[in-house]
Structure formats: C-alpha cells, structure tokens
Amino acid sequence: MKQIIHPDNYRQVIFQDLNNGTIYLTKSTVLTTETIEYEGNTYPLVKVHISSSSHPFFTGEERILDIEGRVDKFKAKTLAATKAKEMRMAAATKKSKRTQQKIEKQSNKI
C-alpha cells in the first residue's frame, strides 16, 4: 500500500444518531466543531440523521409501502381524468350548440 495517500489524523469521535440519541464512539478523520462529554472525556461530536440503530432496514421495522394506497391513488387519478374529460366534452357540446344557434339565427335573418 502507498504510505502517503492514507490519512494519519485518526482520532476518537462520537457519532450521535439524531432520531433516537444512540451514540457510537469510533475512530475517524472527520472534522467537526462540536464536542460532547462522554465517560469523563471530551470527544468531537458528529450528528447524523440516520444510523443502523434507527434505519428501518436494520431495526427490522422495515415499512412496506402501502400498495393499496398506490392503487387508490391510481384510481383517484383515473377518476379525476375521466371527470375532466367529461367536463371538456360537455363544454365542447355546449359550445357547438351555441354556434349552431348563432348560425340558425343568422340564416333566419336572411
């Protein structure tokens, strides 16, 4: 392995999961300005939004996406599209009737 490409500034750092407060003490080169007191020592603190202790895949609480919800959404979209089409058809029919009435009025005047 090449000696000059690997970082040499490893130090103990605390990673804290913001979802459930779990703390991991490990070595890292990550830079941070926050610190935390842990077991009588002060360590740099890195806050993470999700970790293995809160991720649904690792906790066994994996949420299955509601397939029924998808079907309901699809049906609602289809129904809305059908209603919109009917409204456009009704408007077009109404417009064509008005146009025919205008033509009839003009032909009666002549």
N, C-alpha and C. Protein backbone atom coordinates (compact mmCIF):
# COMPACT_ATOMS: atom_id res chain seq x y z
N MET A 1 0.84 -1.18 0.00
CA MET A 1 0.00 0.00 0.00
C MET A 1 0.88 1.24 0.00
N LYS A 2 0.40 2.28 -0.62
CA LYS A 2 1.13 3.53 -0.63
C LYS A 2 0.99 4.21 0.72
N GLN A 3 2.07 4.70 1.25
CA GLN A 3 2.08 5.30 2.58
C GLN A 3 1.55 6.73 2.58
N ILE A 4 1.74 7.48 1.53
CA ILE A 4 1.42 8.90 1.58
C ILE A 4 -0.04 9.23 1.26
N ILE A 5 -0.83 8.28 0.81
CA ILE A 5 -2.21 8.61 0.43
C ILE A 5 -3.21 8.37 1.55
N HIS A 6 -2.83 7.69 2.61
CA HIS A 6 -3.76 7.40 3.70
C HIS A 6 -3.65 8.48 4.78
N PRO A 7 -4.80 8.92 5.31
CA PRO A 7 -4.75 9.97 6.35
C PRO A 7 -4.10 9.45 7.62
N ASP A 8 -3.46 10.34 8.33
CA ASP A 8 -2.81 9.94 9.57
C ASP A 8 -3.39 10.69 10.78
N ASN A 9 -4.50 11.39 10.56
CA ASN A 9 -5.09 12.17 11.66
C ASN A 9 -6.34 11.50 12.24
N TYR A 10 -6.28 10.18 12.40
CA TYR A 10 -7.39 9.47 13.02
C TYR A 10 -7.45 9.82 14.51
N ARG A 11 -8.65 10.01 15.00
CA ARG A 11 -8.85 10.27 16.42
C ARG A 11 -10.21 9.71 16.81
N GLN A 12 -10.45 9.57 18.08
CA GLN A 12 -11.75 9.05 18.53
C GLN A 12 -12.80 10.15 18.40
N VAL A 13 -13.92 9.79 17.81
CA VAL A 13 -15.01 10.72 17.54
C VAL A 13 -16.31 10.05 17.94
N ILE A 14 -17.26 10.84 18.41
CA ILE A 14 -18.60 10.33 18.74
C ILE A 14 -19.54 10.67 17.61
N PHE A 15 -20.25 9.67 17.10
CA PHE A 15 -21.33 9.86 16.14
C PHE A 15 -22.63 9.70 16.91
N GLN A 16 -23.52 10.68 16.82
CA GLN A 16 -24.79 10.62 17.54
C GLN A 16 -25.94 10.61 16.54
N ASP A 17 -26.81 9.60 16.67
CA ASP A 17 -27.99 9.49 15.83
C ASP A 17 -29.04 10.46 16.36
N LEU A 18 -29.51 11.37 15.51
CA LEU A 18 -30.48 12.38 15.94
C LEU A 18 -31.88 11.80 16.13
N ASN A 19 -32.17 10.65 15.54
CA ASN A 19 -33.50 10.06 15.66
C ASN A 19 -33.75 9.46 17.04
N ASN A 20 -32.77 8.73 17.55
CA ASN A 20 -33.00 8.04 18.82
C ASN A 20 -31.91 8.31 19.86
N GLY A 21 -30.92 9.15 19.55
CA GLY A 21 -29.91 9.53 20.52
C GLY A 21 -28.80 8.51 20.73
N THR A 22 -28.76 7.46 19.94
CA THR A 22 -27.71 6.46 20.07
C THR A 22 -26.35 7.08 19.80
N ILE A 23 -25.36 6.68 20.59
CA ILE A 23 -24.01 7.23 20.48
C ILE A 23 -23.05 6.12 20.08
N TYR A 24 -22.18 6.40 19.11
CA TYR A 24 -21.14 5.48 18.68
C TYR A 24 -19.79 6.16 18.88
N LEU A 25 -18.89 5.52 19.57
CA LEU A 25 -17.53 6.01 19.74
C LEU A 25 -16.65 5.21 18.81
N THR A 26 -16.01 5.90 17.88
CA THR A 26 -15.19 5.22 16.88
C THR A 26 -14.08 6.16 16.43
N LYS A 27 -13.17 5.64 15.64
CA LYS A 27 -12.09 6.47 15.11
C LYS A 27 -12.52 7.03 13.75
N SER A 28 -12.14 8.29 13.53
CA SER A 28 -12.48 8.94 12.28
C SER A 28 -11.57 10.12 12.03
N THR A 29 -11.55 10.58 10.78
CA THR A 29 -10.78 11.78 10.43
C THR A 29 -11.71 12.96 10.17
N VAL A 30 -13.01 12.77 10.38
CA VAL A 30 -13.98 13.84 10.10
C VAL A 30 -13.72 15.05 10.99
N LEU A 31 -13.87 16.24 10.39
CA LEU A 31 -13.64 17.47 11.12
C LEU A 31 -14.97 18.00 11.64
N THR A 32 -14.99 18.45 12.89
CA THR A 32 -16.21 18.98 13.49
C THR A 32 -15.85 20.04 14.52
N THR A 33 -16.79 20.94 14.76
CA THR A 33 -16.55 21.99 15.75
C THR A 33 -17.25 21.69 17.07
N GLU A 34 -18.19 20.76 17.07
CA GLU A 34 -18.92 20.43 18.29
C GLU A 34 -18.17 19.37 19.09
N THR A 35 -18.36 19.40 20.41
CA THR A 35 -17.77 18.38 21.29
C THR A 35 -18.85 17.88 22.24
N ILE A 36 -18.58 16.72 22.84
CA ILE A 36 -19.50 16.13 23.79
C ILE A 36 -18.70 15.47 24.90
N GLU A 37 -19.25 15.48 26.09
CA GLU A 37 -18.63 14.82 27.25
C GLU A 37 -19.19 13.40 27.30
N TYR A 38 -18.30 12.41 27.29
CA TYR A 38 -18.73 11.01 27.31
C TYR A 38 -17.76 10.21 28.17
N GLU A 39 -18.27 9.58 29.18
CA GLU A 39 -17.49 8.76 30.11
C GLU A 39 -16.28 9.52 30.66
N GLY A 40 -16.48 10.77 31.00
CA GLY A 40 -15.43 11.56 31.61
C GLY A 40 -14.44 12.18 30.64
N ASN A 41 -14.58 11.93 29.36
CA ASN A 41 -13.68 12.50 28.36
C ASN A 41 -14.47 13.38 27.39
N THR A 42 -13.81 14.31 26.76
CA THR A 42 -14.42 15.18 25.76
C THR A 42 -14.00 14.68 24.38
N TYR A 43 -15.00 14.46 23.53
CA TYR A 43 -14.76 13.96 22.18
C TYR A 43 -15.41 14.90 21.17
N PRO A 44 -14.88 14.94 19.95
CA PRO A 44 -15.56 15.66 18.87
C PRO A 44 -16.90 14.95 18.59
N LEU A 45 -17.92 15.74 18.25
CA LEU A 45 -19.27 15.19 18.02
C LEU A 45 -19.69 15.40 16.58
N VAL A 46 -20.18 14.32 15.97
CA VAL A 46 -20.75 14.39 14.62
C VAL A 46 -22.19 13.90 14.74
N LYS A 47 -23.13 14.73 14.33
CA LYS A 47 -24.55 14.36 14.39
C LYS A 47 -24.97 13.81 13.04
N VAL A 48 -25.61 12.63 13.07
CA VAL A 48 -26.08 12.01 11.84
C VAL A 48 -27.60 11.86 11.92
N HIS A 49 -28.25 11.93 10.78
CA HIS A 49 -29.71 11.86 10.76
C HIS A 49 -30.24 10.44 10.86
N ILE A 50 -29.46 9.48 10.41
CA ILE A 50 -29.91 8.09 10.46
C ILE A 50 -28.68 7.19 10.58
N SER A 51 -28.83 6.14 11.34
CA SER A 51 -27.75 5.17 11.51
C SER A 51 -28.36 3.78 11.56
N SER A 52 -27.54 2.78 11.79
CA SER A 52 -28.06 1.41 11.83
C SER A 52 -29.01 1.20 13.00
N SER A 53 -28.94 2.04 14.02
CA SER A 53 -29.84 1.87 15.16
C SER A 53 -31.23 2.46 14.90
N SER A 54 -31.37 3.29 13.86
CA SER A 54 -32.68 3.88 13.59
C SER A 54 -33.19 3.60 12.18
N HIS A 55 -32.35 3.06 11.32
CA HIS A 55 -32.79 2.77 9.96
C HIS A 55 -33.73 1.58 9.96
N PRO A 56 -34.90 1.70 9.33
CA PRO A 56 -35.89 0.60 9.36
C PRO A 56 -35.36 -0.72 8.85
N PHE A 57 -34.45 -0.72 7.90
CA PHE A 57 -33.92 -1.97 7.37
C PHE A 57 -33.15 -2.72 8.44
N PHE A 58 -32.35 -2.02 9.24
CA PHE A 58 -31.52 -2.67 10.24
C PHE A 58 -32.27 -2.96 11.53
N THR A 59 -33.33 -2.21 11.81
CA THR A 59 -34.08 -2.42 13.05
C THR A 59 -35.14 -3.50 12.91
N GLY A 60 -35.40 -3.96 11.70
CA GLY A 60 -36.42 -4.97 11.48
C GLY A 60 -37.82 -4.38 11.42
N GLU A 61 -37.92 -3.08 11.48
CA GLU A 61 -39.22 -2.41 11.40
C GLU A 61 -39.40 -1.81 10.01
N GLU A 62 -38.90 -2.52 9.03
CA GLU A 62 -38.98 -2.01 7.67
C GLU A 62 -40.43 -1.78 7.30
N ARG A 63 -40.71 -0.60 6.84
CA ARG A 63 -42.07 -0.24 6.47
C ARG A 63 -42.30 -0.64 5.02
N ILE A 64 -43.31 -1.44 4.81
CA ILE A 64 -43.66 -1.82 3.45
C ILE A 64 -44.56 -0.73 2.90
N LEU A 65 -44.22 -0.27 1.72
CA LEU A 65 -45.00 0.79 1.11
C LEU A 65 -46.41 0.28 0.88
N ASP A 66 -47.36 1.08 1.22
CA ASP A 66 -48.77 0.70 1.13
C ASP A 66 -49.16 0.55 -0.32
N ILE A 67 -49.24 -0.71 -0.76
CA ILE A 67 -49.60 -0.98 -2.15
C ILE A 67 -51.04 -0.58 -2.40
N GLU A 68 -51.89 -0.80 -1.41
CA GLU A 68 -53.29 -0.41 -1.57
C GLU A 68 -53.39 1.10 -1.77
N GLY A 69 -52.55 1.84 -1.10
CA GLY A 69 -52.53 3.29 -1.26
C GLY A 69 -52.16 3.68 -2.68
N ARG A 70 -51.25 2.95 -3.26
CA ARG A 70 -50.85 3.21 -4.64
C ARG A 70 -52.02 2.98 -5.58
N VAL A 71 -52.73 1.88 -5.35
CA VAL A 71 -53.87 1.54 -6.19
C VAL A 71 -54.95 2.62 -6.04
N ASP A 72 -55.20 3.04 -4.80
CA ASP A 72 -56.19 4.08 -4.57
C ASP A 72 -55.80 5.38 -5.27
N LYS A 73 -54.53 5.72 -5.21
CA LYS A 73 -54.06 6.93 -5.89
C LYS A 73 -54.27 6.82 -7.40
N PHE A 74 -53.96 5.64 -7.95
CA PHE A 74 -54.14 5.43 -9.38
C PHE A 74 -55.61 5.54 -9.76
N LYS A 75 -56.48 4.92 -8.96
CA LYS A 75 -57.92 5.00 -9.24
C LYS A 75 -58.42 6.44 -9.14
N ALA A 76 -57.93 7.18 -8.15
CA ALA A 76 -58.35 8.57 -7.99
C ALA A 76 -57.90 9.40 -9.20
N LYS A 77 -56.67 9.17 -9.68
CA LYS A 77 -56.19 9.89 -10.86
C LYS A 77 -57.04 9.56 -12.07
N THR A 78 -57.35 8.28 -12.25
CA THR A 78 -58.15 7.85 -13.38
C THR A 78 -59.54 8.47 -13.31
N LEU A 79 -60.14 8.47 -12.13
CA LEU A 79 -61.46 9.06 -11.96
C LEU A 79 -61.43 10.56 -12.25
N ALA A 80 -60.40 11.25 -11.75
CA ALA A 80 -60.27 12.68 -12.00
C ALA A 80 -60.09 12.95 -13.49
N ALA A 81 -59.31 12.13 -14.18
CA ALA A 81 -59.10 12.30 -15.62
C ALA A 81 -60.40 12.07 -16.38
N THR A 82 -61.17 11.08 -15.95
CA THR A 82 -62.45 10.80 -16.60
C THR A 82 -63.42 11.96 -16.41
N LYS A 83 -63.48 12.49 -15.20
CA LYS A 83 -64.36 13.64 -14.93
C LYS A 83 -63.94 14.85 -15.75
N ALA A 84 -62.63 15.09 -15.83
CA ALA A 84 -62.13 16.22 -16.61
C ALA A 84 -62.48 16.05 -18.08
N LYS A 85 -62.37 14.83 -18.58
CA LYS A 85 -62.71 14.57 -19.98
C LYS A 85 -64.19 14.81 -20.22
N GLU A 86 -65.03 14.35 -19.29
CA GLU A 86 -66.48 14.57 -19.42
C GLU A 86 -66.81 16.05 -19.40
N MET A 87 -66.13 16.81 -18.53
CA MET A 87 -66.38 18.25 -18.47
C MET A 87 -65.97 18.93 -19.78
N ARG A 88 -64.83 18.51 -20.34
CA ARG A 88 -64.40 19.08 -21.62
C ARG A 88 -65.38 18.74 -22.73
N MET A 89 -65.87 17.51 -22.71
CA MET A 89 -66.85 17.08 -23.72
C MET A 89 -68.15 17.88 -23.59
N ALA A 90 -68.59 18.09 -22.35
CA ALA A 90 -69.82 18.86 -22.12
C ALA A 90 -69.63 20.31 -22.57
N ALA A 91 -68.48 20.88 -22.28
CA ALA A 91 -68.20 22.25 -22.69
C ALA A 91 -68.15 22.36 -24.21
N ALA A 92 -67.54 21.37 -24.86
CA ALA A 92 -67.46 21.38 -26.32
C ALA A 92 -68.85 21.23 -26.93
N THR A 93 -69.67 20.37 -26.35
CA THR A 93 -71.04 20.18 -26.84
C THR A 93 -71.83 21.47 -26.68
N LYS A 94 -71.70 22.10 -25.54
CA LYS A 94 -72.41 23.35 -25.27
C LYS A 94 -71.97 24.43 -26.26
N LYS A 95 -70.67 24.50 -26.53
CA LYS A 95 -70.14 25.50 -27.45
C LYS A 95 -70.66 25.24 -28.87
N SER A 96 -70.67 23.97 -29.27
CA SER A 96 -71.16 23.65 -30.62
C SER A 96 -72.65 23.96 -30.76
N LYS A 97 -73.43 23.76 -29.67
CA LYS A 97 -74.85 24.10 -29.71
C LYS A 97 -75.03 25.61 -29.86
N ARG A 98 -74.22 26.37 -29.13
CA ARG A 98 -74.31 27.84 -29.24
C ARG A 98 -73.94 28.29 -30.65
N THR A 99 -72.93 27.68 -31.20
CA THR A 99 -72.51 28.03 -32.56
C THR A 99 -73.63 27.72 -33.55
N GLN A 100 -74.27 26.56 -33.39
CA GLN A 100 -75.38 26.19 -34.28
C GLN A 100 -76.54 27.16 -34.14
N GLN A 101 -76.82 27.57 -32.92
CA GLN A 101 -77.91 28.53 -32.68
C GLN A 101 -77.60 29.87 -33.36
N LYS A 102 -76.36 30.32 -33.27
CA LYS A 102 -75.97 31.57 -33.92
C LYS A 102 -76.14 31.47 -35.44
N ILE A 103 -75.73 30.32 -35.97
CA ILE A 103 -75.85 30.11 -37.42
C ILE A 103 -77.33 30.12 -37.82
N GLU A 104 -78.18 29.46 -37.02
CA GLU A 104 -79.61 29.42 -37.31
C GLU A 104 -80.23 30.82 -37.25
N LYS A 105 -79.83 31.63 -36.27
CA LYS A 105 -80.33 32.99 -36.13
C LYS A 105 -79.94 33.82 -37.37
N GLN A 106 -78.70 33.65 -37.79
CA GLN A 106 -78.23 34.41 -38.96
C GLN A 106 -78.97 33.97 -40.21
N SER A 107 -79.21 32.67 -40.35
CA SER A 107 -79.91 32.17 -41.54
C SER A 107 -81.38 32.59 -41.52
N ASN A 108 -82.00 32.73 -40.32
CA ASN A 108 -83.39 33.19 -40.22
C ASN A 108 -83.51 34.66 -40.56
N LYS A 109 -82.49 35.46 -40.31
CA LYS A 109 -82.50 36.88 -40.62
C LYS A 109 -82.44 37.12 -42.12
N ILE A 110 -81.84 36.23 -42.82
CA ILE A 110 -81.70 36.41 -44.27
C ILE A 110 -82.93 36.06 -44.99
